[in-house]
Each structure stands twice: as C-alpha cells, then as structure tokens.
Amino acid sequence: MANVYDTANQLASDLKESQQFKEMQHAFDMLKLDAVAYAMFQQFQQKQMALQQKQMQGQQPTEDEIKDIQTIGEKMQNMQPINDLMVKEQALSQMMDELNRAITQPIVDIYQGK
C-alpha cells in the first residue's frame, strides 16, 4: 500500500524542480533586488495579513484600512518586478489547481457514483 505522505513529500520535491516554481523563485529574487518595490511588496503583505487576521476574529476593516491597502496595491501595479512576480505566481497557481483536481478526483468519483 502506498504511503500518501511519502507521495506528497515527493510531489513537493518535484514541485521545486518544475519550470513554474523556478520561474516564480527567479521573479521573487529579482523583486528583492529592487529595494523600493520589495519594500512596497512587504508592506502590502503585512497590511493584508493584518486585515485577514482582523476578519478571522470577526472584525470588519475600517474604511481607512481598506483605502490604505488599495493605495498600496495601485502603486504596486506600476512596479515591473511585482508584476513579473504576479504573472509567475499565477502560472504556478494554475499548476497547483490542476494538481489539486487530480488529487481530489477519487473523492469526486465517489460522489458521482463511479
């Protein structure tokens, strides 16, 4: 019988060797070389995490918090290293979605009577 955890660990290792992963890693490395863009990216991530934590605690973000993160997001749209990273991240995400569909197909088959 196959150990699904061993398979998952192998899949994680294989993922690191995929073209999509390598391209995203390279894009992230390039982003880190641009001090202004990287600082903006980190600031956006921190504010996004803070808003998510607030929502998980049942609190609603204030208008100022929403405007603040929107302003940062708008500024980020004009930063090529961030745009490059987002494109590569989307490609990796698409591959991850396809993998998730393959992994969950046996469950779908159960509910579809296959």
PDB file of N, CA and C in Angstrom:
ATOM      1  N   MET A   1       0.852  -1.197   0.000  1.00  0.00           N
ATOM      2  CA  MET A   1       0.000   0.000   0.000  1.00  0.00           C
ATOM      3  C   MET A   1       0.884   1.242   0.000  1.00  0.00           C
ATOM      4  N   ALA A   2       0.548   2.198  -0.831  1.00  0.00           N
ATOM      5  CA  ALA A   2       1.334   3.422  -0.954  1.00  0.00           C
ATOM      6  C   ALA A   2       1.106   4.321   0.256  1.00  0.00           C
ATOM      7  N   ASN A   3       2.152   4.951   0.679  1.00  0.00           N
ATOM      8  CA  ASN A   3       2.046   5.923   1.764  1.00  0.00           C
ATOM      9  C   ASN A   3       1.834   7.298   1.126  1.00  0.00           C
ATOM     10  N   VAL A   4       0.641   7.853   1.288  1.00  0.00           N
ATOM     11  CA  VAL A   4       0.322   9.120   0.629  1.00  0.00           C
ATOM     12  C   VAL A   4       1.207  10.265   1.121  1.00  0.00           C
ATOM     13  N   TYR A   5       1.721  10.155   2.332  1.00  0.00           N
ATOM     14  CA  TYR A   5       2.594  11.210   2.841  1.00  0.00           C
ATOM     15  C   TYR A   5       3.944  11.186   2.135  1.00  0.00           C
ATOM     16  N   ASP A   6       4.433   9.995   1.851  1.00  0.00           N
ATOM     17  CA  ASP A   6       5.670   9.881   1.076  1.00  0.00           C
ATOM     18  C   ASP A   6       5.454  10.453  -0.324  1.00  0.00           C
ATOM     19  N   THR A   7       4.305  10.135  -0.893  1.00  0.00           N
ATOM     20  CA  THR A   7       3.967  10.650  -2.219  1.00  0.00           C
ATOM     21  C   THR A   7       3.867  12.175  -2.192  1.00  0.00           C
ATOM     22  N   ALA A   8       3.244  12.712  -1.155  1.00  0.00           N
ATOM     23  CA  ALA A   8       3.103  14.169  -1.030  1.00  0.00           C
ATOM     24  C   ALA A   8       4.473  14.837  -0.893  1.00  0.00           C
ATOM     25  N   ASN A   9       5.345  14.218  -0.099  1.00  0.00           N
ATOM     26  CA  ASN A   9       6.692  14.781   0.050  1.00  0.00           C
ATOM     27  C   ASN A   9       7.459  14.726  -1.264  1.00  0.00           C
ATOM     28  N   GLN A  10       7.274  13.664  -2.024  1.00  0.00           N
ATOM     29  CA  GLN A  10       7.921  13.567  -3.336  1.00  0.00           C
ATOM     30  C   GLN A  10       7.351  14.616  -4.285  1.00  0.00           C
ATOM     31  N   LEU A  11       6.035  14.820  -4.225  1.00  0.00           N
ATOM     32  CA  LEU A  11       5.394  15.837  -5.054  1.00  0.00           C
ATOM     33  C   LEU A  11       5.938  17.219  -4.714  1.00  0.00           C
ATOM     34  N   ALA A  12       6.125  17.506  -3.431  1.00  0.00           N
ATOM     35  CA  ALA A  12       6.683  18.795  -3.012  1.00  0.00           C
ATOM     36  C   ALA A  12       8.095  18.965  -3.571  1.00  0.00           C
ATOM     37  N   SER A  13       8.865  17.906  -3.524  1.00  0.00           N
ATOM     38  CA  SER A  13      10.225  17.946  -4.067  1.00  0.00           C
ATOM     39  C   SER A  13      10.191  18.161  -5.582  1.00  0.00           C
ATOM     40  N   ASP A  14       9.299  17.449  -6.255  1.00  0.00           N
ATOM     41  CA  ASP A  14       9.157  17.601  -7.704  1.00  0.00           C
ATOM     42  C   ASP A  14       8.690  19.009  -8.065  1.00  0.00           C
ATOM     43  N   LEU A  15       7.817  19.563  -7.252  1.00  0.00           N
ATOM     44  CA  LEU A  15       7.321  20.912  -7.481  1.00  0.00           C
ATOM     45  C   LEU A  15       8.473  21.914  -7.530  1.00  0.00           C
ATOM     46  N   LYS A  16       9.412  21.759  -6.620  1.00  0.00           N
ATOM     47  CA  LYS A  16      10.566  22.662  -6.585  1.00  0.00           C
ATOM     48  C   LYS A  16      11.409  22.581  -7.848  1.00  0.00           C
ATOM     49  N   GLU A  17      11.285  21.487  -8.559  1.00  0.00           N
ATOM     50  CA  GLU A  17      12.048  21.302  -9.801  1.00  0.00           C
ATOM     51  C   GLU A  17      11.271  21.718 -11.045  1.00  0.00           C
ATOM     52  N   SER A  18      10.010  22.092 -10.863  1.00  0.00           N
ATOM     53  CA  SER A  18       9.183  22.474 -12.012  1.00  0.00           C
ATOM     54  C   SER A  18       9.599  23.835 -12.558  1.00  0.00           C
ATOM     55  N   GLN A  19       9.343  24.018 -13.841  1.00  0.00           N
ATOM     56  CA  GLN A  19       9.664  25.287 -14.500  1.00  0.00           C
ATOM     57  C   GLN A  19       8.889  26.441 -13.853  1.00  0.00           C
ATOM     58  N   GLN A  20       7.626  26.199 -13.539  1.00  0.00           N
ATOM     59  CA  GLN A  20       6.797  27.252 -12.950  1.00  0.00           C
ATOM     60  C   GLN A  20       7.366  27.715 -11.612  1.00  0.00           C
ATOM     61  N   PHE A  21       7.784  26.772 -10.786  1.00  0.00           N
ATOM     62  CA  PHE A  21       8.348  27.123  -9.485  1.00  0.00           C
ATOM     63  C   PHE A  21       9.652  27.887  -9.653  1.00  0.00           C
ATOM     64  N   LYS A  22      10.514  27.397 -10.523  1.00  0.00           N
ATOM     65  CA  LYS A  22      11.810  28.045 -10.734  1.00  0.00           C
ATOM     66  C   LYS A  22      11.642  29.466 -11.266  1.00  0.00           C
ATOM     67  N   GLU A  23      10.680  29.652 -12.156  1.00  0.00           N
ATOM     68  CA  GLU A  23      10.432  30.993 -12.695  1.00  0.00           C
ATOM     69  C   GLU A  23       9.877  31.927 -11.632  1.00  0.00           C
ATOM     70  N   MET A  24       9.008  31.416 -10.781  1.00  0.00           N
ATOM     71  CA  MET A  24       8.486  32.257  -9.702  1.00  0.00           C
ATOM     72  C   MET A  24       9.598  32.609  -8.720  1.00  0.00           C
ATOM     73  N   GLN A  25      10.437  31.646  -8.386  1.00  0.00           N
ATOM     74  CA  GLN A  25      11.561  31.902  -7.483  1.00  0.00           C
ATOM     75  C   GLN A  25      12.491  32.962  -8.067  1.00  0.00           C
ATOM     76  N   HIS A  26      12.755  32.866  -9.353  1.00  0.00           N
ATOM     77  CA  HIS A  26      13.614  33.855 -10.016  1.00  0.00           C
ATOM     78  C   HIS A  26      12.966  35.246  -9.980  1.00  0.00           C
ATOM     79  N   ALA A  27      11.671  35.303 -10.263  1.00  0.00           N
ATOM     80  CA  ALA A  27      10.970  36.585 -10.232  1.00  0.00           C
ATOM     81  C   ALA A  27      11.010  37.195  -8.831  1.00  0.00           C
ATOM     82  N   PHE A  28      10.872  36.350  -7.816  1.00  0.00           N
ATOM     83  CA  PHE A  28      10.935  36.846  -6.438  1.00  0.00           C
ATOM     84  C   PHE A  28      12.341  37.347  -6.110  1.00  0.00           C
ATOM     85  N   ASP A  29      13.350  36.619  -6.564  1.00  0.00           N
ATOM     86  CA  ASP A  29      14.732  37.057  -6.359  1.00  0.00           C
ATOM     87  C   ASP A  29      14.985  38.405  -7.028  1.00  0.00           C
ATOM     88  N   MET A  30      14.419  38.593  -8.223  1.00  0.00           N
ATOM     89  CA  MET A  30      14.571  39.871  -8.939  1.00  0.00           C
ATOM     90  C   MET A  30      13.836  40.992  -8.191  1.00  0.00           C
ATOM     91  N   LEU A  31      12.683  40.679  -7.636  1.00  0.00           N
ATOM     92  CA  LEU A  31      11.939  41.664  -6.857  1.00  0.00           C
ATOM     93  C   LEU A  31      12.765  42.138  -5.665  1.00  0.00           C
ATOM     94  N   LYS A  32      13.414  41.204  -4.987  1.00  0.00           N
ATOM     95  CA  LYS A  32      14.203  41.564  -3.806  1.00  0.00           C
ATOM     96  C   LYS A  32      15.375  42.485  -4.144  1.00  0.00           C
ATOM     97  N   LEU A  33      15.813  42.481  -5.396  1.00  0.00           N
ATOM     98  CA  LEU A  33      16.909  43.355  -5.816  1.00  0.00           C
ATOM     99  C   LEU A  33      16.458  44.806  -5.981  1.00  0.00           C
ATOM    100  N   ASP A  34      15.166  45.027  -6.122  1.00  0.00           N
ATOM    101  CA  ASP A  34      14.606  46.375  -6.244  1.00  0.00           C
ATOM    102  C   ASP A  34      14.089  46.788  -4.870  1.00  0.00           C
ATOM    103  N   ALA A  35      14.908  47.562  -4.160  1.00  0.00           N
ATOM    104  CA  ALA A  35      14.606  47.899  -2.763  1.00  0.00           C
ATOM    105  C   ALA A  35      13.243  48.569  -2.597  1.00  0.00           C
ATOM    106  N   VAL A  36      12.892  49.469  -3.489  1.00  0.00           N
ATOM    107  CA  VAL A  36      11.621  50.196  -3.372  1.00  0.00           C
ATOM    108  C   VAL A  36      10.443  49.256  -3.604  1.00  0.00           C
ATOM    109  N   ALA A  37      10.516  48.481  -4.663  1.00  0.00           N
ATOM    110  CA  ALA A  37       9.419  47.554  -4.976  1.00  0.00           C
ATOM    111  C   ALA A  37       9.290  46.480  -3.899  1.00  0.00           C
ATOM    112  N   TYR A  38      10.411  45.989  -3.412  1.00  0.00           N
ATOM    113  CA  TYR A  38      10.369  44.939  -2.396  1.00  0.00           C
ATOM    114  C   TYR A  38       9.780  45.481  -1.088  1.00  0.00           C
ATOM    115  N   ALA A  39      10.150  46.692  -0.718  1.00  0.00           N
ATOM    116  CA  ALA A  39       9.594  47.300   0.498  1.00  0.00           C
ATOM    117  C   ALA A  39       8.083  47.484   0.358  1.00  0.00           C
ATOM    118  N   MET A  40       7.643  47.904  -0.818  1.00  0.00           N
ATOM    119  CA  MET A  40       6.208  48.084  -1.070  1.00  0.00           C
ATOM    120  C   MET A  40       5.495  46.733  -1.000  1.00  0.00           C
ATOM    121  N   PHE A  41       6.102  45.721  -1.581  1.00  0.00           N
ATOM    122  CA  PHE A  41       5.546  44.372  -1.563  1.00  0.00           C
ATOM    123  C   PHE A  41       5.408  43.869  -0.133  1.00  0.00           C
ATOM    124  N   GLN A  42       6.438  44.054   0.680  1.00  0.00           N
ATOM    125  CA  GLN A  42       6.394  43.619   2.080  1.00  0.00           C
ATOM    126  C   GLN A  42       5.334  44.385   2.868  1.00  0.00           C
ATOM    127  N   GLN A  43       5.250  45.671   2.623  1.00  0.00           N
ATOM    128  CA  GLN A  43       4.253  46.495   3.309  1.00  0.00           C
ATOM    129  C   GLN A  43       2.844  46.007   2.962  1.00  0.00           C
ATOM    130  N   PHE A  44       2.621  45.713   1.690  1.00  0.00           N
ATOM    131  CA  PHE A  44       1.314  45.225   1.256  1.00  0.00           C
ATOM    132  C   PHE A  44       0.990  43.902   1.936  1.00  0.00           C
ATOM    133  N   GLN A  45       1.963  42.987   1.971  1.00  0.00           N
ATOM    134  CA  GLN A  45       1.749  41.690   2.607  1.00  0.00           C
ATOM    135  C   GLN A  45       1.414  41.845   4.086  1.00  0.00           C
ATOM    136  N   GLN A  46       2.122  42.716   4.772  1.00  0.00           N
ATOM    137  CA  GLN A  46       1.879  42.914   6.200  1.00  0.00           C
ATOM    138  C   GLN A  46       0.478  43.455   6.448  1.00  0.00           C
ATOM    139  N   LYS A  47       0.082  44.424   5.639  1.00  0.00           N
ATOM    140  CA  LYS A  47      -1.250  45.010   5.815  1.00  0.00           C
ATOM    141  C   LYS A  47      -2.338  44.004   5.444  1.00  0.00           C
ATOM    142  N   GLN A  48      -2.081  43.209   4.423  1.00  0.00           N
ATOM    143  CA  GLN A  48      -3.037  42.192   4.013  1.00  0.00           C
ATOM    144  C   GLN A  48      -3.212  41.145   5.117  1.00  0.00           C
ATOM    145  N   MET A  49      -2.113  40.710   5.707  1.00  0.00           N
ATOM    146  CA  MET A  49      -2.194  39.738   6.794  1.00  0.00           C
ATOM    147  C   MET A  49      -2.932  40.313   7.991  1.00  0.00           C
ATOM    148  N   ALA A  50      -2.676  41.576   8.311  1.00  0.00           N
ATOM    149  CA  ALA A  50      -3.350  42.208   9.440  1.00  0.00           C
ATOM    150  C   ALA A  50      -4.861  42.265   9.202  1.00  0.00           C
ATOM    151  N   LEU A  51      -5.255  42.597   7.971  1.00  0.00           N
ATOM    152  CA  LEU A  51      -6.682  42.646   7.655  1.00  0.00           C
ATOM    153  C   LEU A  51      -7.313  41.249   7.715  1.00  0.00           C
ATOM    154  N   GLN A  52      -6.604  40.245   7.239  1.00  0.00           N
ATOM    155  CA  GLN A  52      -7.126  38.887   7.294  1.00  0.00           C
ATOM    156  C   GLN A  52      -7.291  38.415   8.735  1.00  0.00           C
ATOM    157  N   GLN A  53      -6.319  38.723   9.578  1.00  0.00           N
ATOM    158  CA  GLN A  53      -6.427  38.340  10.983  1.00  0.00           C
ATOM    159  C   GLN A  53      -7.613  39.030  11.640  1.00  0.00           C
ATOM    160  N   LYS A  54      -7.782  40.276  11.303  1.00  0.00           N
ATOM    161  CA  LYS A  54      -8.902  41.033  11.858  1.00  0.00           C
ATOM    162  C   LYS A  54     -10.229  40.398  11.440  1.00  0.00           C
ATOM    163  N   GLN A  55     -10.335  40.024  10.179  1.00  0.00           N
ATOM    164  CA  GLN A  55     -11.565  39.401   9.681  1.00  0.00           C
ATOM    165  C   GLN A  55     -11.787  38.039  10.323  1.00  0.00           C
ATOM    166  N   MET A  56     -10.717  37.278  10.551  1.00  0.00           N
ATOM    167  CA  MET A  56     -10.855  35.967  11.185  1.00  0.00           C
ATOM    168  C   MET A  56     -11.335  36.102  12.622  1.00  0.00           C
ATOM    169  N   GLN A  57     -11.106  37.245  13.222  1.00  0.00           N
ATOM    170  CA  GLN A  57     -11.561  37.499  14.583  1.00  0.00           C
ATOM    171  C   GLN A  57     -12.958  38.105  14.592  1.00  0.00           C
ATOM    172  N   GLY A  58     -13.568  38.172  13.402  1.00  0.00           N
ATOM    173  CA  GLY A  58     -14.928  38.672  13.309  1.00  0.00           C
ATOM    174  C   GLY A  58     -15.041  40.186  13.253  1.00  0.00           C
ATOM    175  N   GLN A  59     -13.922  40.867  13.039  1.00  0.00           N
ATOM    176  CA  GLN A  59     -13.934  42.331  12.962  1.00  0.00           C
ATOM    177  C   GLN A  59     -13.893  42.762  11.498  1.00  0.00           C
ATOM    178  N   GLN A  60     -14.515  43.878  11.231  1.00  0.00           N
ATOM    179  CA  GLN A  60     -14.506  44.426   9.886  1.00  0.00           C
ATOM    180  C   GLN A  60     -13.404  45.479   9.766  1.00  0.00           C
ATOM    181  N   PRO A  61     -12.694  45.490   8.630  1.00  0.00           N
ATOM    182  CA  PRO A  61     -11.675  46.527   8.442  1.00  0.00           C
ATOM    183  C   PRO A  61     -12.328  47.903   8.316  1.00  0.00           C
ATOM    184  N   THR A  62     -11.605  48.915   8.758  1.00  0.00           N
ATOM    185  CA  THR A  62     -12.117  50.280   8.654  1.00  0.00           C
ATOM    186  C   THR A  62     -11.946  50.775   7.225  1.00  0.00           C
ATOM    187  N   GLU A  63     -12.650  51.842   6.894  1.00  0.00           N
ATOM    188  CA  GLU A  63     -12.517  52.436   5.564  1.00  0.00           C
ATOM    189  C   GLU A  63     -11.080  52.881   5.318  1.00  0.00           C
ATOM    190  N   ASP A  64     -10.446  53.437   6.351  1.00  0.00           N
ATOM    191  CA  ASP A  64      -9.059  53.883   6.209  1.00  0.00           C
ATOM    192  C   ASP A  64      -8.120  52.717   5.920  1.00  0.00           C
ATOM    193  N   GLU A  65      -8.345  51.595   6.583  1.00  0.00           N
ATOM    194  CA  GLU A  65      -7.509  50.411   6.337  1.00  0.00           C
ATOM    195  C   GLU A  65      -7.691  49.910   4.910  1.00  0.00           C
ATOM    196  N   ILE A  66      -8.920  49.904   4.446  1.00  0.00           N
ATOM    197  CA  ILE A  66      -9.202  49.456   3.087  1.00  0.00           C
ATOM    198  C   ILE A  66      -8.581  50.407   2.069  1.00  0.00           C
ATOM    199  N   LYS A  67      -8.747  51.710   2.295  1.00  0.00           N
ATOM    200  CA  LYS A  67      -8.168  52.695   1.382  1.00  0.00           C
ATOM    201  C   LYS A  67      -6.649  52.598   1.368  1.00  0.00           C
ATOM    202  N   ASP A  68      -6.061  52.372   2.527  1.00  0.00           N
ATOM    203  CA  ASP A  68      -4.603  52.269   2.644  1.00  0.00           C
ATOM    204  C   ASP A  68      -4.069  51.111   1.810  1.00  0.00           C
ATOM    205  N   ILE A  69      -4.687  49.958   1.941  1.00  0.00           N
ATOM    206  CA  ILE A  69      -4.200  48.794   1.196  1.00  0.00           C
ATOM    207  C   ILE A  69      -4.497  48.939  -0.296  1.00  0.00           C
ATOM    208  N   GLN A  70      -5.588  49.587  -0.647  1.00  0.00           N
ATOM    209  CA  GLN A  70      -5.902  49.831  -2.057  1.00  0.00           C
ATOM    210  C   GLN A  70      -4.874  50.782  -2.678  1.00  0.00           C
ATOM    211  N   THR A  71      -4.478  51.788  -1.925  1.00  0.00           N
ATOM    212  CA  THR A  71      -3.479  52.741  -2.410  1.00  0.00           C
ATOM    213  C   THR A  71      -2.150  52.040  -2.666  1.00  0.00           C
ATOM    214  N   ILE A  72      -1.755  51.202  -1.748  1.00  0.00           N
ATOM    215  CA  ILE A  72      -0.512  50.450  -1.918  1.00  0.00           C
ATOM    216  C   ILE A  72      -0.633  49.531  -3.137  1.00  0.00           C
ATOM    217  N   GLY A  73      -1.767  48.870  -3.272  1.00  0.00           N
ATOM    218  CA  GLY A  73      -1.995  47.986  -4.416  1.00  0.00           C
ATOM    219  C   GLY A  73      -1.909  48.728  -5.738  1.00  0.00           C
ATOM    220  N   GLU A  74      -2.453  49.925  -5.788  1.00  0.00           N
ATOM    221  CA  GLU A  74      -2.389  50.737  -7.005  1.00  0.00           C
ATOM    222  C   GLU A  74      -0.950  51.128  -7.329  1.00  0.00           C
ATOM    223  N   LYS A  75      -0.184  51.481  -6.320  1.00  0.00           N
ATOM    224  CA  LYS A  75       1.227  51.823  -6.531  1.00  0.00           C
ATOM    225  C   LYS A  75       2.013  50.614  -7.033  1.00  0.00           C
ATOM    226  N   MET A  76       1.682  49.447  -6.498  1.00  0.00           N
ATOM    227  CA  MET A  76       2.382  48.225  -6.882  1.00  0.00           C
ATOM    228  C   MET A  76       2.142  47.862  -8.343  1.00  0.00           C
ATOM    229  N   GLN A  77       0.992  48.238  -8.884  1.00  0.00           N
ATOM    230  CA  GLN A  77       0.673  47.914 -10.272  1.00  0.00           C
ATOM    231  C   GLN A  77       1.664  48.539 -11.248  1.00  0.00           C
ATOM    232  N   ASN A  78       2.315  49.604 -10.825  1.00  0.00           N
ATOM    233  CA  ASN A  78       3.265  50.298 -11.686  1.00  0.00           C
ATOM    234  C   ASN A  78       4.697  49.815 -11.489  1.00  0.00           C
ATOM    235  N   MET A  79       4.893  48.767 -10.720  1.00  0.00           N
ATOM    236  CA  MET A  79       6.233  48.271 -10.433  1.00  0.00           C
ATOM    237  C   MET A  79       6.451  46.954 -11.172  1.00  0.00           C
ATOM    238  N   GLN A  80       7.314  46.986 -12.175  1.00  0.00           N
ATOM    239  CA  GLN A  80       7.518  45.833 -13.042  1.00  0.00           C
ATOM    240  C   GLN A  80       7.950  44.576 -12.301  1.00  0.00           C
ATOM    241  N   PRO A  81       8.867  44.661 -11.316  1.00  0.00           N
ATOM    242  CA  PRO A  81       9.252  43.425 -10.622  1.00  0.00           C
ATOM    243  C   PRO A  81       8.073  42.738  -9.920  1.00  0.00           C
ATOM    244  N   ILE A  82       7.149  43.526  -9.408  1.00  0.00           N
ATOM    245  CA  ILE A  82       5.967  42.960  -8.754  1.00  0.00           C
ATOM    246  C   ILE A  82       5.038  42.345  -9.798  1.00  0.00           C
ATOM    247  N   ASN A  83       4.859  43.038 -10.919  1.00  0.00           N
ATOM    248  CA  ASN A  83       4.029  42.486 -11.995  1.00  0.00           C
ATOM    249  C   ASN A  83       4.606  41.179 -12.510  1.00  0.00           C
ATOM    250  N   ASP A  84       5.918  41.127 -12.677  1.00  0.00           N
ATOM    251  CA  ASP A  84       6.561  39.904 -13.140  1.00  0.00           C
ATOM    252  C   ASP A  84       6.317  38.757 -12.167  1.00  0.00           C
ATOM    253  N   LEU A  85       6.443  39.036 -10.880  1.00  0.00           N
ATOM    254  CA  LEU A  85       6.204  38.015  -9.865  1.00  0.00           C
ATOM    255  C   LEU A  85       4.760  37.528  -9.923  1.00  0.00           C
ATOM    256  N   MET A  86       3.814  38.434 -10.070  1.00  0.00           N
ATOM    257  CA  MET A  86       2.402  38.051 -10.094  1.00  0.00           C
ATOM    258  C   MET A  86       2.102  37.144 -11.291  1.00  0.00           C
ATOM    259  N   VAL A  87       2.706  37.419 -12.429  1.00  0.00           N
ATOM    260  CA  VAL A  87       2.499  36.583 -13.616  1.00  0.00           C
ATOM    261  C   VAL A  87       3.025  35.174 -13.354  1.00  0.00           C
ATOM    262  N   LYS A  88       4.211  35.090 -12.788  1.00  0.00           N
ATOM    263  CA  LYS A  88       4.809  33.783 -12.499  1.00  0.00           C
ATOM    264  C   LYS A  88       4.038  33.052 -11.396  1.00  0.00           C
ATOM    265  N   GLU A  89       3.539  33.807 -10.440  1.00  0.00           N
ATOM    266  CA  GLU A  89       2.740  33.213  -9.367  1.00  0.00           C
ATOM    267  C   GLU A  89       1.441  32.641  -9.922  1.00  0.00           C
ATOM    268  N   GLN A  90       0.843  33.332 -10.880  1.00  0.00           N
ATOM    269  CA  GLN A  90      -0.393  32.833 -11.497  1.00  0.00           C
ATOM    270  C   GLN A  90      -0.154  31.518 -12.232  1.00  0.00           C
ATOM    271  N   ALA A  91       0.984  31.416 -12.923  1.00  0.00           N
ATOM    272  CA  ALA A  91       1.301  30.182 -13.639  1.00  0.00           C
ATOM    273  C   ALA A  91       1.480  29.029 -12.659  1.00  0.00           C
ATOM    274  N   LEU A  92       2.159  29.283 -11.548  1.00  0.00           N
ATOM    275  CA  LEU A  92       2.336  28.255 -10.533  1.00  0.00           C
ATOM    276  C   LEU A  92       0.993  27.891  -9.902  1.00  0.00           C
ATOM    277  N   SER A  93       0.181  28.875  -9.644  1.00  0.00           N
ATOM    278  CA  SER A  93      -1.135  28.637  -9.056  1.00  0.00           C
ATOM    279  C   SER A  93      -2.006  27.789  -9.979  1.00  0.00           C
ATOM    280  N   GLN A  94      -1.921  28.034 -11.262  1.00  0.00           N
ATOM    281  CA  GLN A  94      -2.690  27.242 -12.221  1.00  0.00           C
ATOM    282  C   GLN A  94      -2.250  25.780 -12.162  1.00  0.00           C
ATOM    283  N   MET A  95      -0.941  25.556 -12.097  1.00  0.00           N
ATOM    284  CA  MET A  95      -0.447  24.196 -11.995  1.00  0.00           C
ATOM    285  C   MET A  95      -0.922  23.553 -10.687  1.00  0.00           C
ATOM    286  N   MET A  96      -0.896  24.306  -9.592  1.00  0.00           N
ATOM    287  CA  MET A  96      -1.343  23.789  -8.302  1.00  0.00           C
ATOM    288  C   MET A  96      -2.833  23.436  -8.345  1.00  0.00           C
ATOM    289  N   ASP A  97      -3.624  24.249  -9.041  1.00  0.00           N
ATOM    290  CA  ASP A  97      -5.057  23.949  -9.196  1.00  0.00           C
ATOM    291  C   ASP A  97      -5.255  22.640  -9.952  1.00  0.00           C
ATOM    292  N   GLU A  98      -4.462  22.433 -11.004  1.00  0.00           N
ATOM    293  CA  GLU A  98      -4.558  21.197 -11.781  1.00  0.00           C
ATOM    294  C   GLU A  98      -4.155  19.991 -10.921  1.00  0.00           C
ATOM    295  N   LEU A  99      -3.116  20.147 -10.123  1.00  0.00           N
ATOM    296  CA  LEU A  99      -2.697  19.072  -9.223  1.00  0.00           C
ATOM    297  C   LEU A  99      -3.783  18.770  -8.195  1.00  0.00           C
ATOM    298  N   ASN A 100      -4.383  19.813  -7.654  1.00  0.00           N
ATOM    299  CA  ASN A 100      -5.452  19.623  -6.660  1.00  0.00           C
ATOM    300  C   ASN A 100      -6.633  18.876  -7.270  1.00  0.00           C
ATOM    301  N   ARG A 101      -6.967  19.210  -8.518  1.00  0.00           N
ATOM    302  CA  ARG A 101      -8.069  18.493  -9.174  1.00  0.00           C
ATOM    303  C   ARG A 101      -7.723  17.015  -9.341  1.00  0.00           C
ATOM    304  N   ALA A 102      -6.480  16.729  -9.710  1.00  0.00           N
ATOM    305  CA  ALA A 102      -6.065  15.333  -9.886  1.00  0.00           C
ATOM    306  C   ALA A 102      -6.093  14.588  -8.555  1.00  0.00           C
ATOM    307  N   ILE A 103      -5.637  15.255  -7.508  1.00  0.00           N
ATOM    308  CA  ILE A 103      -5.577  14.620  -6.184  1.00  0.00           C
ATOM    309  C   ILE A 103      -6.977  14.359  -5.629  1.00  0.00           C
ATOM    310  N   THR A 104      -7.884  15.265  -5.873  1.00  0.00           N
ATOM    311  CA  THR A 104      -9.230  15.121  -5.299  1.00  0.00           C
ATOM    312  C   THR A 104     -10.189  14.350  -6.207  1.00  0.00           C
ATOM    313  N   GLN A 105      -9.744  13.953  -7.393  1.00  0.00           N
ATOM    314  CA  GLN A 105     -10.625  13.245  -8.319  1.00  0.00           C
ATOM    315  C   GLN A 105     -11.228  11.979  -7.717  1.00  0.00           C
ATOM    316  N   PRO A 106     -10.483  11.185  -6.937  1.00  0.00           N
ATOM    317  CA  PRO A 106     -11.115   9.993  -6.331  1.00  0.00           C
ATOM    318  C   PRO A 106     -12.309  10.339  -5.431  1.00  0.00           C
ATOM    319  N   ILE A 107     -12.261  11.458  -4.763  1.00  0.00           N
ATOM    320  CA  ILE A 107     -13.381  11.876  -3.912  1.00  0.00           C
ATOM    321  C   ILE A 107     -14.564  12.276  -4.782  1.00  0.00           C
ATOM    322  N   VAL A 108     -14.283  13.018  -5.841  1.00  0.00           N
ATOM    323  CA  VAL A 108     -15.344  13.409  -6.781  1.00  0.00           C
ATOM    324  C   VAL A 108     -15.996  12.153  -7.353  1.00  0.00           C
ATOM    325  N   ASP A 109     -15.164  11.160  -7.703  1.00  0.00           N
ATOM    326  CA  ASP A 109     -15.694   9.924  -8.274  1.00  0.00           C
ATOM    327  C   ASP A 109     -16.648   9.221  -7.308  1.00  0.00           C
ATOM    328  N   ILE A 110     -16.325   9.228  -6.032  1.00  0.00           N
ATOM    329  CA  ILE A 110     -17.214   8.611  -5.035  1.00  0.00           C
ATOM    330  C   ILE A 110     -18.592   9.252  -5.080  1.00  0.00           C
ATOM    331  N   TYR A 111     -18.629  10.587  -5.078  1.00  0.00           N
ATOM    332  CA  TYR A 111     -19.905  11.277  -5.046  1.00  0.00           C
ATOM    333  C   TYR A 111     -20.658  11.189  -6.374  1.00  0.00           C
ATOM    334  N   GLN A 112     -19.913  10.898  -7.431  1.00  0.00           N
ATOM    335  CA  GLN A 112     -20.562  10.745  -8.741  1.00  0.00           C
ATOM    336  C   GLN A 112     -20.892   9.283  -9.023  1.00  0.00           C
ATOM    337  N   GLY A 113     -20.657   8.417  -8.038  1.00  0.00           N
ATOM    338  CA  GLY A 113     -21.013   7.017  -8.169  1.00  0.00           C
ATOM    339  C   GLY A 113     -20.115   6.235  -9.106  1.00  0.00           C
ATOM    340  N   LYS A 114     -18.914   6.656  -9.289  1.00  0.00           N
ATOM    341  CA  LYS A 114     -18.007   5.950 -10.202  1.00  0.00           C
ATOM    342  C   LYS A 114     -17.194   4.914  -9.476  1.00  0.00           C
TER     343      LYS A 114
END
